[in-house]
Amino acid sequence: MNYLAHAYLSFNQPPILVGNMISDYVKGKKKFLYDPTIQQGIQLHRIIDEFTDHHPATDEAKKFFKADYRLYAGAFVDVVYDHFLACDEKQFDVYGNLEMFSRNVYHSLELNFVLFPARFQNMFSHMKLQNWLYNYRLKKGIQNKEIAEALFISPKTVDHHISSILFKLDVNSRSRAVSEAARLGIAK
């Protein structure tokens, strides 16, 4: 779910970006159907995930979500990480700003749309339309319906999980949840 981080860590190289973004949708030997530079992006994505998923900070963050969200704890942490990356304006200075970076990513990906696996094509259409990369910066975040589409679950399931997070943090809004998570050291 950390699409912003994967795009950022593609270092403005379109074939690497394509591979990095489609990696979760390319299983097994199907990666060999792609050009070598796209394969490098697929591999880079997997290396980034391996490093991040086993980092002590991620393990701690997942503990916060694990009891209530089990399988989805990692996805919640990924979104939190992308939120903090999006809010660090200095990271995007070389691209102008986050908005320009996001537009460039969408443009580069659109040029390679025919290469995407069908499920990523569908998801990418939502990503671009709703400008996920840029909107990670918002404390309000994306709507539950959009989260559900990205995770391939029902909006009602997302509603339930968001309500549980708010209850667990003893807050009444997503923006307060982000602030409380930062205060508790769950997210920085």
Protein backbone atom coordinates (compact mmCIF):
# COMPACT_ATOMS: atom_id res chain seq x y z
CA MET A 1 0.00 0.00 0.00
CA ASN A 2 3.01 2.32 0.19
CA TYR A 3 2.75 3.49 -3.40
CA LEU A 4 4.29 6.89 -2.70
CA ALA A 5 7.42 5.38 -1.17
CA HIS A 6 7.82 2.94 -4.06
CA ALA A 7 7.40 5.72 -6.61
CA TYR A 8 9.87 7.91 -4.71
CA LEU A 9 12.43 5.10 -4.50
CA SER A 10 12.27 4.58 -8.27
CA PHE A 11 14.54 7.63 -8.62
CA ASN A 12 12.73 9.13 -11.62
CA GLN A 13 13.53 6.13 -13.85
CA PRO A 14 10.31 5.16 -15.69
CA PRO A 15 11.04 1.43 -16.26
CA ILE A 16 12.09 1.04 -12.61
CA LEU A 17 8.94 2.94 -11.60
CA VAL A 18 6.71 0.64 -13.65
CA GLY A 19 8.25 -2.48 -12.12
CA ASN A 20 8.20 -1.01 -8.63
CA MET A 21 4.51 -0.15 -8.91
CA ILE A 22 3.26 -3.39 -10.51
CA SER A 23 5.36 -5.79 -8.44
CA ASP A 24 2.56 -6.89 -6.08
CA TYR A 25 0.51 -7.85 -9.15
CA VAL A 26 3.25 -9.88 -10.87
CA LYS A 27 3.57 -13.34 -9.38
CA GLY A 28 6.34 -15.90 -9.78
CA LYS A 29 7.91 -16.37 -13.19
CA LYS A 30 5.60 -13.81 -14.81
CA LYS A 31 8.19 -11.17 -13.97
CA PHE A 32 10.34 -12.64 -16.76
CA LEU A 33 7.72 -11.52 -19.29
CA TYR A 34 8.89 -7.94 -18.73
CA ASP A 35 11.94 -6.06 -20.01
CA PRO A 36 15.04 -6.39 -17.78
CA THR A 37 14.75 -2.82 -16.44
CA ILE A 38 11.12 -3.39 -15.43
CA GLN A 39 12.26 -6.65 -13.80
CA GLN A 40 14.78 -4.56 -11.84
CA GLY A 41 11.91 -2.40 -10.62
CA ILE A 42 9.94 -5.49 -9.61
CA GLN A 43 12.97 -6.77 -7.71
CA LEU A 44 13.60 -3.36 -6.12
CA HIS A 45 10.02 -3.32 -4.84
CA ARG A 46 10.52 -6.70 -3.21
CA ILE A 47 13.83 -5.63 -1.62
CA ILE A 48 12.20 -2.47 -0.24
CA ASP A 49 9.29 -4.49 1.17
CA GLU A 50 11.65 -7.06 2.71
CA PHE A 51 13.71 -4.34 4.40
CA THR A 52 10.71 -2.33 5.59
CA ASP A 53 8.60 -5.29 6.69
CA HIS A 54 11.39 -6.61 8.92
CA HIS A 55 12.62 -3.31 10.31
CA PRO A 56 12.22 -2.96 14.10
CA ALA A 57 10.27 0.31 13.71
CA THR A 58 7.77 -1.44 11.43
CA ASP A 59 7.47 -4.35 13.85
CA GLU A 60 6.59 -1.88 16.61
CA ALA A 61 4.09 -0.01 14.46
CA LYS A 62 2.41 -3.26 13.38
CA LYS A 63 1.94 -4.28 17.03
CA PHE A 64 -0.36 -1.32 17.47
CA PHE A 65 -2.68 -2.50 14.69
CA LYS A 66 -2.10 -6.28 14.88
CA ALA A 67 -4.58 -7.27 17.61
CA ASP A 68 -7.54 -5.69 15.88
CA TYR A 69 -6.51 -5.83 12.23
CA ARG A 70 -4.23 -8.86 11.95
CA LEU A 71 -3.61 -9.26 8.23
CA TYR A 72 -4.21 -5.57 7.49
CA ALA A 73 -1.76 -4.21 10.11
CA GLY A 74 1.02 -3.95 7.54
CA ALA A 75 -1.23 -2.13 5.07
CA PHE A 76 -2.18 0.42 7.73
CA VAL A 77 1.49 0.97 8.57
CA ASP A 78 2.34 1.41 4.87
CA VAL A 79 -0.29 4.15 4.56
CA VAL A 80 1.04 5.86 7.70
CA TYR A 81 4.58 5.77 6.26
CA ASP A 82 3.39 7.29 2.98
CA HIS A 83 1.54 9.99 4.91
CA PHE A 84 4.71 11.05 6.67
CA LEU A 85 6.75 10.95 3.46
CA ALA A 86 4.13 13.12 1.74
CA CYS A 87 4.22 15.62 4.60
CA ASP A 88 8.02 16.01 4.37
CA GLU A 89 8.09 18.75 1.73
CA LYS A 90 11.90 18.74 1.53
CA GLN A 91 11.86 15.25 0.05
CA PHE A 92 10.23 16.53 -3.12
CA ASP A 93 12.23 19.74 -3.66
CA VAL A 94 14.24 18.17 -6.49
CA TYR A 95 10.93 17.52 -8.32
CA GLY A 96 9.50 20.94 -7.48
CA ASN A 97 6.97 19.70 -4.94
CA LEU A 98 4.80 16.68 -4.15
CA GLU A 99 2.09 17.75 -6.60
CA MET A 100 4.57 17.94 -9.50
CA PHE A 101 6.16 14.65 -8.44
CA SER A 102 2.74 12.97 -8.40
CA ARG A 103 1.82 14.31 -11.85
CA ASN A 104 5.15 13.09 -13.24
CA VAL A 105 4.62 9.62 -11.76
CA TYR A 106 1.11 9.35 -13.20
CA HIS A 107 2.33 10.53 -16.60
CA SER A 108 5.22 8.03 -16.66
CA LEU A 109 2.89 5.23 -15.64
CA GLU A 110 0.23 6.17 -18.20
CA LEU A 111 2.80 5.82 -20.97
CA ASN A 112 3.24 2.18 -19.90
CA PHE A 113 -0.40 1.36 -19.10
CA VAL A 114 -0.55 -1.48 -21.65
CA LEU A 115 2.19 -3.30 -19.72
CA PHE A 116 0.24 -3.37 -16.44
CA PRO A 117 -1.43 -6.53 -15.17
CA ALA A 118 -5.23 -6.16 -15.43
CA ARG A 119 -5.73 -5.72 -11.67
CA PHE A 120 -3.13 -2.94 -11.53
CA GLN A 121 -4.70 -1.25 -14.57
CA ASN A 122 -8.00 -1.11 -12.70
CA MET A 123 -6.40 0.09 -9.47
CA PHE A 124 -4.24 2.65 -11.28
CA SER A 125 -7.32 4.26 -12.78
CA HIS A 126 -8.63 4.88 -9.24
CA MET A 127 -5.20 5.96 -7.99
CA LYS A 128 -4.84 8.63 -10.65
CA LEU A 129 -8.46 9.81 -10.58
CA GLN A 130 -8.35 10.23 -6.80
CA ASN A 131 -4.71 11.39 -6.80
CA TRP A 132 -3.60 9.00 -4.07
CA LEU A 133 0.07 9.97 -4.23
CA TYR A 134 -0.62 13.63 -3.54
CA ASN A 135 -3.46 12.97 -1.11
CA TYR A 136 -1.34 10.86 1.23
CA ARG A 137 -0.39 14.23 2.73
CA LEU A 138 -3.91 14.91 3.95
CA LYS A 139 -4.73 14.13 7.55
CA LYS A 140 -8.29 13.48 6.47
CA GLY A 141 -6.95 10.98 3.95
CA ILE A 142 -8.84 9.12 1.31
CA GLN A 143 -12.40 8.03 1.81
CA ASN A 144 -13.27 4.58 3.15
CA LYS A 145 -14.69 3.59 -0.24
CA GLU A 146 -11.31 4.34 -1.85
CA ILE A 147 -9.45 2.37 0.82
CA ALA A 148 -11.81 -0.55 0.25
CA GLU A 149 -11.20 -0.49 -3.51
CA ALA A 150 -7.43 -0.49 -2.99
CA LEU A 151 -7.55 -3.39 -0.51
CA PHE A 152 -10.27 -5.30 -2.40
CA ILE A 153 -12.51 -5.39 0.67
CA SER A 154 -15.93 -3.91 1.40
CA PRO A 155 -16.35 -0.29 2.52
CA LYS A 156 -18.24 -1.63 5.53
CA THR A 157 -15.12 -3.56 6.60
CA VAL A 158 -13.05 -0.39 6.30
CA ASP A 159 -15.66 1.56 8.30
CA HIS A 160 -15.45 -1.04 11.04
CA HIS A 161 -11.65 -1.00 11.16
CA ILE A 162 -11.40 2.80 11.11
CA SER A 163 -13.94 3.00 13.94
CA SER A 164 -11.93 0.46 15.92
CA ILE A 165 -8.71 2.44 15.44
CA LEU A 166 -10.40 5.64 16.58
CA PHE A 167 -11.85 3.85 19.60
CA LYS A 168 -8.52 2.23 20.48
CA LEU A 169 -6.76 5.60 20.32
CA ASP A 170 -9.65 7.26 22.19
CA VAL A 171 -10.09 9.93 19.51
CA ASN A 172 -12.98 10.98 17.30
CA SER A 173 -11.29 11.82 13.98
CA ARG A 174 -8.62 10.55 11.63
CA SER A 175 -6.52 13.68 12.07
CA ARG A 176 -6.53 13.20 15.84
CA ALA A 177 -5.63 9.55 15.29
CA VAL A 178 -2.56 10.59 13.31
CA SER A 179 -1.55 13.06 16.02
CA GLU A 180 -2.11 10.51 18.78
CA ALA A 181 -0.16 7.84 16.88
CA ALA A 182 2.76 10.28 16.57
CA ARG A 183 2.53 11.17 20.27
CA LEU A 184 2.59 7.49 21.23
CA GLY A 185 5.60 6.85 19.00
CA ILE A 186 3.65 4.50 16.74
CA ALA A 187 4.29 6.82 13.82
CA LYS A 188 6.77 9.65 13.52
